[in-house]
Protein backbone atom coordinates (compact mmCIF):
# COMPACT_ATOMS: atom_id res chain seq x y z
CA MET A 1 90.17 69.57 94.80
CA THR A 2 91.36 67.92 91.95
CA ARG A 3 95.41 67.43 91.37
CA ARG A 4 95.93 70.52 89.07
CA SER A 5 94.56 72.42 91.89
CA ALA A 6 96.70 70.36 94.43
CA THR A 7 100.27 71.12 92.94
CA PRO A 8 100.72 74.88 93.11
CA PHE A 9 99.51 75.15 97.03
CA PHE A 10 101.99 72.23 97.57
CA ALA A 11 104.28 73.73 96.10
CA THR A 12 104.04 76.85 97.77
CA SER A 13 104.44 75.29 101.36
CA LEU A 14 107.17 73.51 100.13
CA ALA A 15 108.85 76.74 99.76
CA VAL A 16 107.83 78.39 102.97
CA THR A 17 108.40 74.77 105.29
CA LEU A 18 112.12 74.92 103.77
CA LEU A 19 112.59 78.69 104.64
CA ALA A 20 111.21 78.19 107.85
CA CYS A 21 113.44 75.88 108.31
CA ALA A 22 117.40 77.74 106.58
CA PRO A 23 119.08 78.47 108.33
CA ALA A 24 119.38 82.79 109.28
CA ALA A 25 122.17 84.25 107.62
CA HIS A 26 125.04 86.12 108.96
CA ALA A 27 125.52 89.94 108.91
CA PHE A 28 128.17 90.69 107.88
CA GLU A 29 130.10 91.54 110.73
CA GLY A 30 132.93 94.79 110.75
CA LEU A 31 134.78 97.76 112.60
CA ASN A 32 133.25 101.84 111.84
CA LEU A 33 135.44 105.27 112.27
CA ALA A 34 134.35 108.62 110.89
CA TRP A 35 135.69 112.15 112.39
CA ASP A 36 132.30 113.92 114.06
CA HIS A 37 128.95 110.98 113.10
CA CYS A 38 128.12 107.41 113.05
CA HIS A 39 129.86 106.13 109.81
CA GLY A 40 126.89 105.14 109.07
CA GLU A 41 124.79 108.64 109.16
CA GLY A 42 126.48 109.71 105.90
CA THR A 43 126.98 112.39 108.17
CA GLY A 44 130.57 112.57 108.87
CA VAL A 45 133.22 112.42 106.76
CA GLN A 46 136.73 110.04 106.37
CA ASN A 47 139.24 112.87 106.43
CA ALA A 48 139.52 116.12 108.76
CA ASN A 49 141.57 119.17 107.53
CA PHE A 50 142.71 121.89 110.33
CA ALA A 51 144.49 125.14 108.99
CA CYS A 52 146.65 125.04 113.30
CA ASP A 53 145.44 128.43 113.50
CA VAL A 54 143.56 128.50 116.77
CA ASN A 55 144.09 126.98 119.99
CA THR A 56 139.49 126.60 120.65
CA GLY A 57 137.65 124.25 119.49
CA ALA A 58 138.19 120.13 118.36
CA HIS A 59 137.93 116.90 115.93
CA VAL A 60 135.70 114.23 117.03
CA MET A 61 136.21 110.60 115.63
CA VAL A 62 133.37 108.20 116.28
CA GLY A 63 133.87 104.42 116.41
CA SER A 64 131.23 101.96 115.55
CA PHE A 65 130.71 98.22 114.94
CA VAL A 66 128.13 95.69 113.23
CA LEU A 67 128.21 92.54 114.52
CA GLY A 68 128.18 89.43 112.61
CA THR A 69 125.65 86.71 115.21
CA PRO A 70 123.76 88.19 117.81
CA ALA A 71 125.89 88.97 120.74
CA THR A 72 124.27 87.64 124.87
CA ASP A 73 125.17 89.21 128.31
CA VAL A 74 127.74 91.81 126.71
CA SER A 75 129.42 94.15 129.85
CA ALA A 76 132.17 96.10 127.69
CA LEU A 77 134.60 96.36 124.67
CA ASP A 78 137.97 96.86 124.92
CA ILE A 79 139.09 99.20 122.07
CA PHE A 80 141.66 99.79 119.62
CA LEU A 81 143.36 102.30 117.71
CA ASP A 82 146.56 103.06 115.50
CA LEU A 83 148.08 105.96 115.04
CA ALA A 84 150.85 106.31 112.28
CA VAL A 85 151.66 109.83 111.02
CA ALA A 86 153.45 111.15 108.43
CA ASN A 87 157.15 111.94 109.60
CA ALA A 88 159.88 111.15 110.77
CA PHE A 89 159.39 110.68 114.34
CA LEU A 90 155.52 110.49 116.46
CA PRO A 91 154.84 114.99 116.27
CA PRO A 92 154.67 117.02 119.88
CA TRP A 93 151.07 117.40 118.92
CA TRP A 94 149.30 114.17 119.06
CA GLU A 95 151.14 113.14 122.02
CA PHE A 96 149.31 112.40 124.16
CA LEU A 97 148.56 111.33 128.45
CA ARG A 98 152.67 111.74 128.49
CA GLU A 99 153.98 113.07 131.39
CA GLY A 100 155.28 116.46 130.50
CA SER A 101 153.67 116.82 126.89
CA CYS A 102 152.71 120.08 126.49
CA ARG A 103 149.57 118.24 125.00
CA ARG A 104 148.85 115.65 127.78
CA PHE A 105 145.08 115.74 127.89
CA ALA A 106 143.81 117.50 124.95
CA ALA A 107 142.41 113.06 124.01
CA ALA A 108 139.68 112.57 126.16
CA THR A 109 136.92 110.05 125.64
CA SER A 110 133.19 110.41 125.46
CA PHE A 111 130.63 107.52 125.54
CA GLN A 112 127.43 109.48 124.75
CA GLN A 113 125.87 109.25 121.23
CA ASP A 114 124.71 112.73 119.71
CA PRO A 115 121.60 112.84 119.39
CA THR A 116 121.73 114.22 116.36
CA ASP A 117 122.38 110.10 114.84
CA VAL A 118 119.74 108.33 113.92
CA ILE A 119 120.96 105.56 112.56
CA CYS A 120 124.19 103.89 114.57
CA VAL A 121 122.46 102.43 118.20
CA ASP A 122 124.43 103.18 121.86
CA TRP A 123 125.27 100.17 122.17
CA ALA A 124 124.98 100.33 125.75
CA GLN A 125 121.49 102.63 126.34
CA ALA A 126 123.57 105.65 127.52
CA GLN A 127 124.71 103.42 130.28
CA ALA A 128 127.94 102.51 129.26
CA GLY A 129 131.45 104.29 131.78
CA GLY A 130 135.50 103.98 130.61
CA ALA A 131 138.20 106.12 129.00
CA MET A 132 141.17 105.85 126.79
CA ILE A 133 143.24 104.00 129.81
CA GLY A 134 146.04 103.09 127.22
CA TYR A 135 148.57 105.57 124.48
CA PHE A 136 151.35 103.48 123.54
CA PRO A 137 154.60 103.36 120.75
CA GLY A 138 152.87 102.03 118.33
CA TYR A 139 154.95 99.89 115.43
CA GLY A 140 157.29 102.65 114.26
CA GLU A 141 158.54 105.57 115.69
CA ALA A 142 155.44 107.95 114.44
CA THR A 143 152.82 105.94 115.27
CA ALA A 144 150.90 105.17 118.05
CA ARG A 145 148.49 102.69 119.76
CA ILE A 146 145.34 103.66 121.95
CA GLN A 147 143.77 101.64 123.62
CA VAL A 148 139.71 102.67 125.60
CA VAL A 149 137.35 101.00 127.22
CA SER A 150 133.93 101.21 128.05
CA ALA A 151 131.73 99.69 130.60
CA VAL A 152 128.56 98.58 132.27
CA THR A 153 127.68 97.27 135.21
CA LEU A 154 126.31 93.97 135.40
CA SER A 155 122.52 94.80 136.17
CA LEU A 156 123.18 96.83 132.97
CA VAL A 157 124.34 94.09 130.41
CA GLN A 158 122.96 94.44 126.86
CA ASP A 159 122.04 91.37 124.59
CA LEU A 160 122.54 92.99 120.69
CA SER A 161 121.19 91.39 117.95
CA PRO A 162 123.26 90.98 114.07
CA GLY A 163 123.43 93.48 111.26
CA ILE A 164 122.88 96.74 113.45
CA GLU A 165 125.58 99.78 113.37
CA TYR A 166 125.54 100.31 117.50
CA PHE A 167 128.30 102.62 118.76
CA ALA A 168 130.77 102.44 120.90
CA PHE A 169 132.85 105.56 121.40
CA ASN A 170 133.72 109.08 120.77
CA LEU A 171 137.23 110.53 121.24
CA ARG A 172 137.88 113.80 121.71
CA ILE A 173 141.00 115.37 120.05
CA ASN A 174 141.26 119.12 121.03
CA HIS A 175 143.35 122.32 119.87
CA THR A 176 144.76 123.62 122.84
CA ASN A 177 148.43 124.53 122.89
CA THR A 178 148.24 124.32 118.69
CA VAL A 179 149.65 128.21 118.48
CA GLY A 180 151.17 130.51 120.28
CA ALA A 181 153.38 130.26 123.56
CA GLY A 182 153.51 126.37 124.94
CA SER A 183 152.49 125.39 121.56
CA CYS A 184 153.16 121.61 120.57
CA ASP A 185 154.36 121.34 116.71
CA LEU A 186 153.86 119.18 113.71
CA CYS A 187 149.79 119.36 113.83
CA ALA A 188 149.91 120.82 110.08
CA ALA A 189 151.33 116.87 109.32
CA PRO A 190 149.06 114.29 107.65
CA ALA A 191 147.58 111.20 109.60
CA CYS A 192 146.08 107.32 109.44
CA ILE A 193 144.15 106.32 111.91
CA VAL A 194 142.38 103.01 112.03
CA PHE A 195 139.93 101.79 114.61
CA SER A 196 141.71 98.61 114.54
CA SER A 197 140.27 96.43 116.67
CA CYS A 198 137.29 95.78 119.50
CA VAL A 199 137.01 92.51 121.46
CA VAL A 200 133.49 92.72 122.64
CA GLY A 201 132.95 91.03 126.31
CA LEU A 202 130.38 89.01 127.50
CA ALA A 203 130.10 89.31 130.81
CA PHE A 204 128.60 85.13 131.89
CA GLU A 205 130.51 83.78 128.79
CA ASP A 206 134.18 82.43 127.92
CA PRO A 207 135.74 83.37 124.81
CA ASP A 208 134.75 87.26 124.47
CA ARG A 209 134.52 88.39 121.07
CA SER A 210 137.15 89.87 119.19
CA ILE A 211 136.19 91.91 115.74
CA SER A 212 138.98 93.12 114.55
CA ALA A 213 137.75 93.87 110.51
CA PRO A 214 135.60 96.74 108.48
CA ALA A 215 132.25 96.93 108.40
CA SER A 216 133.13 97.41 104.74
CA PRO A 217 137.02 98.25 102.25
CA GLY A 218 138.18 100.90 104.55
CA SER A 219 135.47 101.86 106.50
CA ASN A 220 137.76 101.63 109.93
CA ALA A 221 140.09 103.90 108.49
CA ILE A 222 139.68 107.85 109.64
CA THR A 223 142.91 110.44 107.84
CA TRP A 224 144.96 113.97 109.46
CA GLN A 225 145.00 116.22 106.87
CA GLY A 226 145.06 114.33 103.95
CA GLY A 227 146.05 110.88 105.96
CA GLY A 228 149.55 111.14 103.17
CA LEU A 229 151.70 107.90 103.82
CA PRO A 230 153.05 107.22 107.58
CA ALA A 231 155.45 103.96 107.16
CA LEU A 232 154.05 101.25 109.49
CA ARG A 233 156.20 97.80 109.59
CA GLY A 234 157.66 97.82 106.27
CA ALA A 235 154.57 100.00 104.14
CA VAL A 236 153.65 102.48 103.58
CA GLY A 237 150.21 103.92 103.91
CA CYS A 238 147.69 103.54 107.14
CA PRO A 239 148.37 101.16 110.03
CA ALA A 240 146.78 97.72 109.62
CA SER A 241 145.53 95.86 112.18
CA THR A 242 147.04 94.00 114.65
CA PRO A 243 146.16 91.37 116.56
CA VAL A 244 144.73 93.33 120.23
CA HIS A 245 146.92 92.40 123.81
CA ARG A 246 143.94 89.53 125.46
CA SER A 247 146.41 89.65 128.21
CA THR A 248 145.05 93.24 129.56
CA TRP A 249 141.48 92.56 128.60
CA GLY A 250 141.16 89.88 131.05
CA GLN A 251 142.61 92.08 133.55
CA VAL A 252 139.88 94.86 132.65
CA LYS A 253 137.23 91.91 132.63
CA SER A 254 137.84 91.30 135.88
CA GLN A 255 136.98 93.71 137.57
CA PHE A 256 133.20 94.09 136.06
CA ARG A 257 132.34 90.01 136.60
């Protein structure tokens, strides 16, 4: 073989070797939230308008996440949503879990992915259980913080890959007590909901992984009735991400070890 013909072969071989030895690129990590369908499907919407004229039916928030690097032996998700309503106080229509509220049981979680969603992958392979375990005062008079936990048993822990959009939860808001006798006020008040943080619990490793940014600009926020301009912590607009309280999560995670 002549020197002239060997040079391209050497250059190609060197390029292949360098590519093989190069570190793997990290995927962009973040959170997504949409109405009706997983964000990546393109069939969900970011705003929900409701005429507030019936007590039947529901609107469903769908949360998902993307990892930037692999996660091994994932056993649970600890999820926080922030709600802010464009009103002077939290409307009765949005009061869930509080004893005596006329819509105390109007919100419920589900961890079964919509079968028509084909882009998102169920992180738990349809094996997760969980609940909405908290509905707390938020960071303003017309705000609330929602906590949802999803988990699998230790025999079903999952290895998750970067760059894949994983389905995390459904939060179903039904229309009960919207109109008529016993109805709750201010269904029509605009609101913003942000999927503000998700702790990915690792069964056999510490620390857990915490995600608190959108997967793409604005992808972790949805609006109700257009969103309006709710006030939160001195800012006007949708609520910003806020730090997760890890002490609560440590107690939850210990139950699955």
